[in-house]
Amino acid sequence: EVGDWSSDVCSSDLDQRTQKNEDQWADRKSELIARQQTLAYAVDNLQRERDILSQRREVAQKLLAEARRGVESARAFEQDLEPFLDATLTRLENFVQRDLPFLPDERRERLRNLRETLVRVDASSAEKLRRVMEALQVEVTYGHTVEAYQDTIDLEGTPLLMDMLRVGRVSLFCCSPDGSVAGQYDRVSGKFVPLPKEAAREVGKALEIERLRSEERRVGKECRS
């Protein structure tokens, strides 16, 4: 009986140790599984981050390539732009020289300043282009506007201070301040020729109308500002 009791005790101790080992292994297994899941999650996160970084790197490389192409295009554009602007200004200078001789000092000064801008090394291509476009726009505007101003011209060999009337680019008239003498620019001869007295009166009337309109425009502009 003592032997049977000892055997039972030993068996019970073995069962307890076995159960304890099984419990410890179960806890260890759960811990390992949790760590495995954590590591797997971390690996997934790292993979996603690597994919995102790879995509960002590709985007950055594309942007860099586009920027380089843009710089190369800009350089090529600037190289082509300089001769184009120079040729455009030359054509504009020739056009003004052949045009009606209205506002000669103002127009020559504008073109002279523009020529100086084009040869300046500190002026950007954008600035040069802007200045050329502005000059072209001014000349275009002359074609559909009427203007009255004063200038000294040569009429039959005599320099005279005259009231000038420009009608677009169609006609250029002159009239003495007292209205006694008037003339019109003749494109063929390249000079002003006198007009009959009747025509002089009409030119004087047209000048007076344009002065009134100019004053109305000036007042309207001041009111709007």
C-alpha atoms as a PDB file:
ATOM      1  CA  GLU A   1       0.000   0.000   0.000  1.00  0.00           C
ATOM      2  CA  VAL A   2       2.867   2.330   0.784  1.00  0.00           C
ATOM      3  CA  GLY A   3       4.270   1.582  -2.650  1.00  0.00           C
ATOM      4  CA  ASP A   4       0.954   2.359  -4.295  1.00  0.00           C
ATOM      5  CA  TRP A   5       0.728   5.678  -2.416  1.00  0.00           C
ATOM      6  CA  SER A   6       4.247   6.676  -3.409  1.00  0.00           C
ATOM      7  CA  SER A   7       3.500   5.793  -6.977  1.00  0.00           C
ATOM      8  CA  ASP A   8       0.389   7.922  -6.929  1.00  0.00           C
ATOM      9  CA  VAL A   9       2.310  10.865  -5.419  1.00  0.00           C
ATOM     10  CA  CYS A  10       4.994  10.628  -8.072  1.00  0.00           C
ATOM     11  CA  SER A  11       2.396  10.412 -10.777  1.00  0.00           C
ATOM     12  CA  SER A  12       0.620  13.471  -9.371  1.00  0.00           C
ATOM     13  CA  ASP A  13       3.836  15.500  -9.216  1.00  0.00           C
ATOM     14  CA  LEU A  14       4.630  14.518 -12.802  1.00  0.00           C
ATOM     15  CA  ASP A  15       1.188  15.544 -13.916  1.00  0.00           C
ATOM     16  CA  GLN A  16       1.549  18.904 -12.170  1.00  0.00           C
ATOM     17  CA  ARG A  17       4.958  19.510 -13.678  1.00  0.00           C
ATOM     18  CA  THR A  18       3.675  18.492 -17.078  1.00  0.00           C
ATOM     19  CA  GLN A  19       0.656  20.785 -16.736  1.00  0.00           C
ATOM     20  CA  LYS A  20       2.922  23.596 -15.552  1.00  0.00           C
ATOM     21  CA  ASN A  21       5.212  23.052 -18.510  1.00  0.00           C
ATOM     22  CA  GLU A  22       2.251  22.967 -20.856  1.00  0.00           C
ATOM     23  CA  ASP A  23       0.902  26.190 -19.323  1.00  0.00           C
ATOM     24  CA  GLN A  24       4.309  27.831 -19.622  1.00  0.00           C
ATOM     25  CA  TRP A  25       4.615  26.687 -23.227  1.00  0.00           C
ATOM     26  CA  ALA A  26       1.104  27.903 -23.944  1.00  0.00           C
ATOM     27  CA  ASP A  27       2.014  31.304 -22.491  1.00  0.00           C
ATOM     28  CA  ARG A  28       5.287  31.284 -24.404  1.00  0.00           C
ATOM     29  CA  LYS A  29       3.494  30.240 -27.566  1.00  0.00           C
ATOM     30  CA  SER A  30       0.948  33.040 -27.156  1.00  0.00           C
ATOM     31  CA  GLU A  31       3.800  35.498 -26.563  1.00  0.00           C
ATOM     32  CA  LEU A  32       5.635  34.260 -29.652  1.00  0.00           C
ATOM     33  CA  ILE A  33       2.478  34.430 -31.749  1.00  0.00           C
ATOM     34  CA  ALA A  34       1.857  38.007 -30.515  1.00  0.00           C
ATOM     35  CA  ARG A  35       5.438  38.969 -31.316  1.00  0.00           C
ATOM     36  CA  GLN A  36       5.147  37.314 -34.715  1.00  0.00           C
ATOM     37  CA  GLN A  37       1.975  39.275 -35.429  1.00  0.00           C
ATOM     38  CA  THR A  38       3.648  42.480 -34.248  1.00  0.00           C
ATOM     39  CA  LEU A  39       6.675  41.794 -36.418  1.00  0.00           C
ATOM     40  CA  ALA A  40       4.457  40.937 -39.381  1.00  0.00           C
ATOM     41  CA  TYR A  41       2.549  44.214 -38.885  1.00  0.00           C
ATOM     42  CA  ALA A  42       5.821  46.110 -38.631  1.00  0.00           C
ATOM     43  CA  VAL A  43       7.104  44.419 -41.788  1.00  0.00           C
ATOM     44  CA  ASP A  44       3.888  45.356 -43.610  1.00  0.00           C
ATOM     45  CA  ASN A  45       4.251  48.950 -42.431  1.00  0.00           C
ATOM     46  CA  LEU A  46       7.865  49.042 -43.552  1.00  0.00           C
ATOM     47  CA  GLN A  47       6.875  47.627 -46.925  1.00  0.00           C
ATOM     48  CA  ARG A  48       4.142  50.231 -47.338  1.00  0.00           C
ATOM     49  CA  GLU A  49       6.530  52.996 -46.297  1.00  0.00           C
ATOM     50  CA  ARG A  50       9.119  51.682 -48.732  1.00  0.00           C
ATOM     51  CA  ASP A  51       6.511  51.641 -51.504  1.00  0.00           C
ATOM     52  CA  ILE A  52       5.470  55.197 -50.645  1.00  0.00           C
ATOM     53  CA  LEU A  53       9.091  56.355 -50.574  1.00  0.00           C
ATOM     54  CA  SER A  54       9.687  54.629 -53.883  1.00  0.00           C
ATOM     55  CA  GLN A  55       6.681  56.384 -55.411  1.00  0.00           C
ATOM     56  CA  ARG A  56       7.808  59.709 -54.006  1.00  0.00           C
ATOM     57  CA  ARG A  57      11.295  59.135 -55.358  1.00  0.00           C
ATOM     58  CA  GLU A  58       9.847  58.403 -58.799  1.00  0.00           C
ATOM     59  CA  VAL A  59       7.727  61.568 -58.641  1.00  0.00           C
ATOM     60  CA  ALA A  60      10.738  63.594 -57.520  1.00  0.00           C
ATOM     61  CA  GLN A  61      12.839  62.164 -60.340  1.00  0.00           C
ATOM     62  CA  LYS A  62      10.109  63.016 -62.858  1.00  0.00           C
ATOM     63  CA  LEU A  63       9.826  66.544 -61.490  1.00  0.00           C
ATOM     64  CA  LEU A  64      13.591  66.931 -61.640  1.00  0.00           C
ATOM     65  CA  ALA A  65      13.638  65.688 -65.228  1.00  0.00           C
ATOM     66  CA  GLU A  66      10.813  68.075 -66.139  1.00  0.00           C
ATOM     67  CA  ALA A  67      12.641  70.932 -64.447  1.00  0.00           C
ATOM     68  CA  ARG A  68      15.791  70.132 -66.386  1.00  0.00           C
ATOM     69  CA  ARG A  69      13.838  69.996 -69.635  1.00  0.00           C
ATOM     70  CA  GLY A  70      12.200  73.290 -68.682  1.00  0.00           C
ATOM     71  CA  VAL A  71      15.575  74.898 -68.077  1.00  0.00           C
ATOM     72  CA  GLU A  72      16.872  73.587 -71.391  1.00  0.00           C
ATOM     73  CA  SER A  73      13.731  74.824 -73.160  1.00  0.00           C
ATOM     74  CA  ALA A  74      14.028  78.204 -71.468  1.00  0.00           C
ATOM     75  CA  ARG A  75      17.644  78.480 -72.570  1.00  0.00           C
ATOM     76  CA  ALA A  76      16.700  77.576 -76.121  1.00  0.00           C
ATOM     77  CA  PHE A  77      13.771  80.008 -75.959  1.00  0.00           C
ATOM     78  CA  GLU A  78      16.045  82.812 -74.765  1.00  0.00           C
ATOM     79  CA  GLN A  79      18.542  82.059 -77.498  1.00  0.00           C
ATOM     80  CA  ASP A  80      15.775  82.286 -80.106  1.00  0.00           C
ATOM     81  CA  LEU A  81      14.045  85.219 -78.414  1.00  0.00           C
ATOM     82  CA  GLU A  82      16.939  87.676 -78.552  1.00  0.00           C
ATOM     83  CA  PRO A  83      17.278  87.643 -82.381  1.00  0.00           C
ATOM     84  CA  PHE A  84      13.499  87.729 -82.746  1.00  0.00           C
ATOM     85  CA  LEU A  85      13.158  90.817 -80.548  1.00  0.00           C
ATOM     86  CA  ASP A  86      16.015  92.536 -82.333  1.00  0.00           C
ATOM     87  CA  ALA A  87      14.465  91.813 -85.746  1.00  0.00           C
ATOM     88  CA  THR A  88      11.041  92.947 -84.514  1.00  0.00           C
ATOM     89  CA  LEU A  89      12.435  96.235 -83.257  1.00  0.00           C
ATOM     90  CA  THR A  90      14.273  96.800 -86.544  1.00  0.00           C
ATOM     91  CA  ARG A  91      11.036  96.279 -88.474  1.00  0.00           C
ATOM     92  CA  LEU A  92       9.233  98.628 -86.094  1.00  0.00           C
ATOM     93  CA  GLU A  93      11.928 101.289 -86.550  1.00  0.00           C
ATOM     94  CA  ASN A  94      11.613 101.007 -90.333  1.00  0.00           C
ATOM     95  CA  PHE A  95       7.819 101.160 -90.091  1.00  0.00           C
ATOM     96  CA  VAL A  96       7.885 104.307 -87.969  1.00  0.00           C
ATOM     97  CA  GLN A  97      10.347 105.909 -90.341  1.00  0.00           C
ATOM     98  CA  ARG A  98       7.988 105.327 -93.286  1.00  0.00           C
ATOM     99  CA  ASP A  99       4.846 106.222 -91.336  1.00  0.00           C
ATOM    100  CA  LEU A 100       3.148 109.599 -91.003  1.00  0.00           C
ATOM    101  CA  PRO A 101       5.518 111.906 -89.079  1.00  0.00           C
ATOM    102  CA  PHE A 102       3.317 112.412 -86.015  1.00  0.00           C
ATOM    103  CA  LEU A 103       4.837 112.731 -82.536  1.00  0.00           C
ATOM    104  CA  PRO A 104       8.303 112.202 -84.031  1.00  0.00           C
ATOM    105  CA  ASP A 105      10.309 113.013 -80.893  1.00  0.00           C
ATOM    106  CA  GLU A 106       8.154 110.859 -78.616  1.00  0.00           C
ATOM    107  CA  ARG A 107       8.244 107.874 -80.934  1.00  0.00           C
ATOM    108  CA  ARG A 108      11.982 108.099 -81.626  1.00  0.00           C
ATOM    109  CA  GLU A 109      12.676 108.359 -77.894  1.00  0.00           C
ATOM    110  CA  ARG A 110      10.559 105.285 -77.201  1.00  0.00           C
ATOM    111  CA  LEU A 111      12.394 103.242 -79.828  1.00  0.00           C
ATOM    112  CA  ARG A 112      15.786 104.499 -78.672  1.00  0.00           C
ATOM    113  CA  ASN A 113      15.035 103.457 -75.074  1.00  0.00           C
ATOM    114  CA  LEU A 114      13.786 100.107 -76.304  1.00  0.00           C
ATOM    115  CA  ARG A 115      16.982  99.541 -78.292  1.00  0.00           C
ATOM    116  CA  GLU A 116      19.024 100.311 -75.174  1.00  0.00           C
ATOM    117  CA  THR A 117      16.950  97.816 -73.179  1.00  0.00           C
ATOM    118  CA  LEU A 118      17.555  95.030 -75.690  1.00  0.00           C
ATOM    119  CA  VAL A 119      21.340  95.341 -75.401  1.00  0.00           C
ATOM    120  CA  ARG A 120      21.355  95.515 -71.593  1.00  0.00           C
ATOM    121  CA  VAL A 121      22.824  92.373 -70.034  1.00  0.00           C
ATOM    122  CA  ASP A 122      21.021  93.024 -66.728  1.00  0.00           C
ATOM    123  CA  ALA A 123      17.581  93.070 -68.365  1.00  0.00           C
ATOM    124  CA  SER A 124      15.751  89.738 -68.364  1.00  0.00           C
ATOM    125  CA  SER A 125      14.271  88.204 -71.486  1.00  0.00           C
ATOM    126  CA  ALA A 126      10.811  88.665 -69.979  1.00  0.00           C
ATOM    127  CA  GLU A 127      11.451  92.382 -69.465  1.00  0.00           C
ATOM    128  CA  LYS A 128      12.729  92.787 -73.028  1.00  0.00           C
ATOM    129  CA  LEU A 129       9.715  90.950 -74.427  1.00  0.00           C
ATOM    130  CA  ARG A 130       7.344  93.055 -72.334  1.00  0.00           C
ATOM    131  CA  ARG A 131       8.915  96.308 -73.526  1.00  0.00           C
ATOM    132  CA  VAL A 132       8.742  95.277 -77.184  1.00  0.00           C
ATOM    133  CA  MET A 133       5.094  94.241 -76.844  1.00  0.00           C
ATOM    134  CA  GLU A 134       4.262  97.560 -75.181  1.00  0.00           C
ATOM    135  CA  ALA A 135       5.877  99.498 -78.024  1.00  0.00           C
ATOM    136  CA  LEU A 136       3.963  97.456 -80.590  1.00  0.00           C
ATOM    137  CA  GLN A 137       0.716  98.031 -78.717  1.00  0.00           C
ATOM    138  CA  VAL A 138       1.286 101.798 -78.663  1.00  0.00           C
ATOM    139  CA  GLU A 139       1.877 101.857 -82.405  1.00  0.00           C
ATOM    140  CA  VAL A 140      -1.211  99.713 -83.023  1.00  0.00           C
ATOM    141  CA  THR A 141      -3.303 102.116 -80.914  1.00  0.00           C
ATOM    142  CA  TYR A 142      -2.285 105.039 -83.114  1.00  0.00           C
ATOM    143  CA  GLY A 143      -4.094 103.362 -86.007  1.00  0.00           C
ATOM    144  CA  HIS A 144      -7.590 103.740 -84.521  1.00  0.00           C
ATOM    145  CA  THR A 145      -7.396 106.938 -82.498  1.00  0.00           C
ATOM    146  CA  VAL A 146      -7.625 110.687 -83.174  1.00  0.00           C
ATOM    147  CA  GLU A 147      -5.214 113.048 -81.468  1.00  0.00           C
ATOM    148  CA  ALA A 148      -4.559 116.788 -81.254  1.00  0.00           C
ATOM    149  CA  TYR A 149      -1.201 118.183 -80.164  1.00  0.00           C
ATOM    150  CA  GLN A 150       1.308 120.913 -81.029  1.00  0.00           C
ATOM    151  CA  ASP A 151       4.530 120.571 -82.970  1.00  0.00           C
ATOM    152  CA  THR A 152       6.936 122.626 -85.035  1.00  0.00           C
ATOM    153  CA  ILE A 153       6.856 121.621 -88.705  1.00  0.00           C
ATOM    154  CA  ASP A 154       8.192 122.850 -91.989  1.00  0.00           C
ATOM    155  CA  LEU A 155       5.507 124.343 -94.240  1.00  0.00           C
ATOM    156  CA  GLU A 156       6.772 125.664 -97.569  1.00  0.00           C
ATOM    157  CA  GLY A 157      10.274 126.008 -96.182  1.00  0.00           C
ATOM    158  CA  THR A 158       9.283 127.861 -93.010  1.00  0.00           C
ATOM    159  CA  PRO A 159       9.377 126.248 -89.544  1.00  0.00           C
ATOM    160  CA  LEU A 160       6.068 126.994 -87.831  1.00  0.00           C
ATOM    161  CA  LEU A 161       4.502 126.057 -84.479  1.00  0.00           C
ATOM    162  CA  MET A 162       1.264 124.404 -85.524  1.00  0.00           C
ATOM    163  CA  ASP A 163      -1.708 122.641 -84.002  1.00  0.00           C
ATOM    164  CA  MET A 164      -1.590 119.070 -85.280  1.00  0.00           C
ATOM    165  CA  LEU A 165      -4.508 116.743 -85.923  1.00  0.00           C
ATOM    166  CA  ARG A 166      -3.816 113.049 -86.451  1.00  0.00           C
ATOM    167  CA  VAL A 167      -6.672 110.924 -87.767  1.00  0.00           C
ATOM    168  CA  GLY A 168      -5.548 107.366 -87.153  1.00  0.00           C
ATOM    169  CA  ARG A 169      -2.848 106.603 -89.674  1.00  0.00           C
ATOM    170  CA  VAL A 170      -4.976 107.945 -92.507  1.00  0.00           C
ATOM    171  CA  SER A 171      -4.234 111.666 -92.406  1.00  0.00           C
ATOM    172  CA  LEU A 172      -2.093 114.199 -90.580  1.00  0.00           C
ATOM    173  CA  PHE A 173      -3.183 117.843 -90.647  1.00  0.00           C
ATOM    174  CA  CYS A 174      -1.637 121.047 -89.346  1.00  0.00           C
ATOM    175  CA  CYS A 175      -3.234 124.374 -88.594  1.00  0.00           C
ATOM    176  CA  SER A 176      -1.834 127.679 -87.318  1.00  0.00           C
ATOM    177  CA  PRO A 177      -3.112 128.732 -83.867  1.00  0.00           C
ATOM    178  CA  ASP A 178      -5.062 131.588 -85.452  1.00  0.00           C
ATOM    179  CA  GLY A 179      -6.581 129.278 -88.059  1.00  0.00           C
ATOM    180  CA  SER A 180      -5.308 131.281 -91.011  1.00  0.00           C
ATOM    181  CA  VAL A 181      -2.982 128.602 -92.414  1.00  0.00           C
ATOM    182  CA  ALA A 182      -3.478 124.858 -92.655  1.00  0.00           C
ATOM    183  CA  GLY A 183      -1.782 121.961 -94.367  1.00  0.00           C
ATOM    184  CA  GLN A 184      -1.842 118.217 -94.840  1.00  0.00           C
ATOM    185  CA  TYR A 185       1.003 115.737 -94.957  1.00  0.00           C
ATOM    186  CA  ASP A 186       1.515 114.353 -98.448  1.00  0.00           C
ATOM    187  CA  ARG A 187       2.943 110.830 -98.460  1.00  0.00           C
ATOM    188  CA  VAL A 188       4.191 111.078-102.028  1.00  0.00           C
ATOM    189  CA  SER A 189       6.263 114.230-101.568  1.00  0.00           C
ATOM    190  CA  GLY A 190       7.045 113.473 -97.931  1.00  0.00           C
ATOM    191  CA  LYS A 191       6.149 116.975 -96.722  1.00  0.00           C
ATOM    192  CA  PHE A 192       3.246 119.167 -95.632  1.00  0.00           C
ATOM    193  CA  VAL A 193       1.371 120.963 -98.400  1.00  0.00           C
ATOM    194  CA  PRO A 194      -0.923 123.998 -97.852  1.00  0.00           C
ATOM    195  CA  LEU A 195      -4.706 123.585 -97.890  1.00  0.00           C
ATOM    196  CA  PRO A 196      -7.274 126.055 -99.246  1.00  0.00           C
ATOM    197  CA  LYS A 197      -8.829 128.471 -96.729  1.00  0.00           C
ATOM    198  CA  GLU A 198     -12.111 126.550 -96.749  1.00  0.00           C
ATOM    199  CA  ALA A 199     -10.282 123.361 -95.801  1.00  0.00           C
ATOM    200  CA  ALA A 200      -8.309 125.293 -93.162  1.00  0.00           C
ATOM    201  CA  ARG A 201     -11.548 126.252 -91.436  1.00  0.00           C
ATOM    202  CA  GLU A 202     -12.690 122.610 -91.408  1.00  0.00           C
ATOM    203  CA  VAL A 203      -9.392 121.523 -89.933  1.00  0.00           C
ATOM    204  CA  GLY A 204      -9.752 124.198 -87.249  1.00  0.00           C
ATOM    205  CA  LYS A 205     -13.253 122.939 -86.390  1.00  0.00           C
ATOM    206  CA  ALA A 206     -12.022 119.328 -86.196  1.00  0.00           C
ATOM    207  CA  LEU A 207      -9.191 120.400 -83.899  1.00  0.00           C
ATOM    208  CA  GLU A 208     -11.607 122.170 -81.577  1.00  0.00           C
ATOM    209  CA  ILE A 209     -13.872 119.102 -81.421  1.00  0.00           C
ATOM    210  CA  GLU A 210     -10.935 116.823 -80.621  1.00  0.00           C
ATOM    211  CA  ARG A 211      -9.708 119.178 -77.877  1.00  0.00           C
ATOM    212  CA  LEU A 212     -13.166 119.062 -76.252  1.00  0.00           C
ATOM    213  CA  ARG A 213     -13.268 115.262 -76.511  1.00  0.00           C
ATOM    214  CA  SER A 214      -9.772 115.003 -75.066  1.00  0.00           C
ATOM    215  CA  GLU A 215     -10.804 117.176 -72.104  1.00  0.00           C
ATOM    216  CA  GLU A 216     -13.895 115.016 -71.545  1.00  0.00           C
ATOM    217  CA  ARG A 217     -11.747 111.873 -71.539  1.00  0.00           C
ATOM    218  CA  ARG A 218      -9.309 113.451 -69.088  1.00  0.00           C
ATOM    219  CA  VAL A 219     -12.068 114.512 -66.679  1.00  0.00           C
ATOM    220  CA  GLY A 220     -13.750 111.100 -66.945  1.00  0.00           C
ATOM    221  CA  LYS A 221     -10.481 109.351 -66.180  1.00  0.00           C
ATOM    222  CA  GLU A 222      -9.888 111.540 -63.120  1.00  0.00           C
ATOM    223  CA  CYS A 223     -13.416 110.836 -61.845  1.00  0.00           C
ATOM    224  CA  ARG A 224     -12.947 107.071 -62.219  1.00  0.00           C
ATOM    225  CA  SER A 225      -9.648 107.190 -60.363  1.00  0.00           C
END
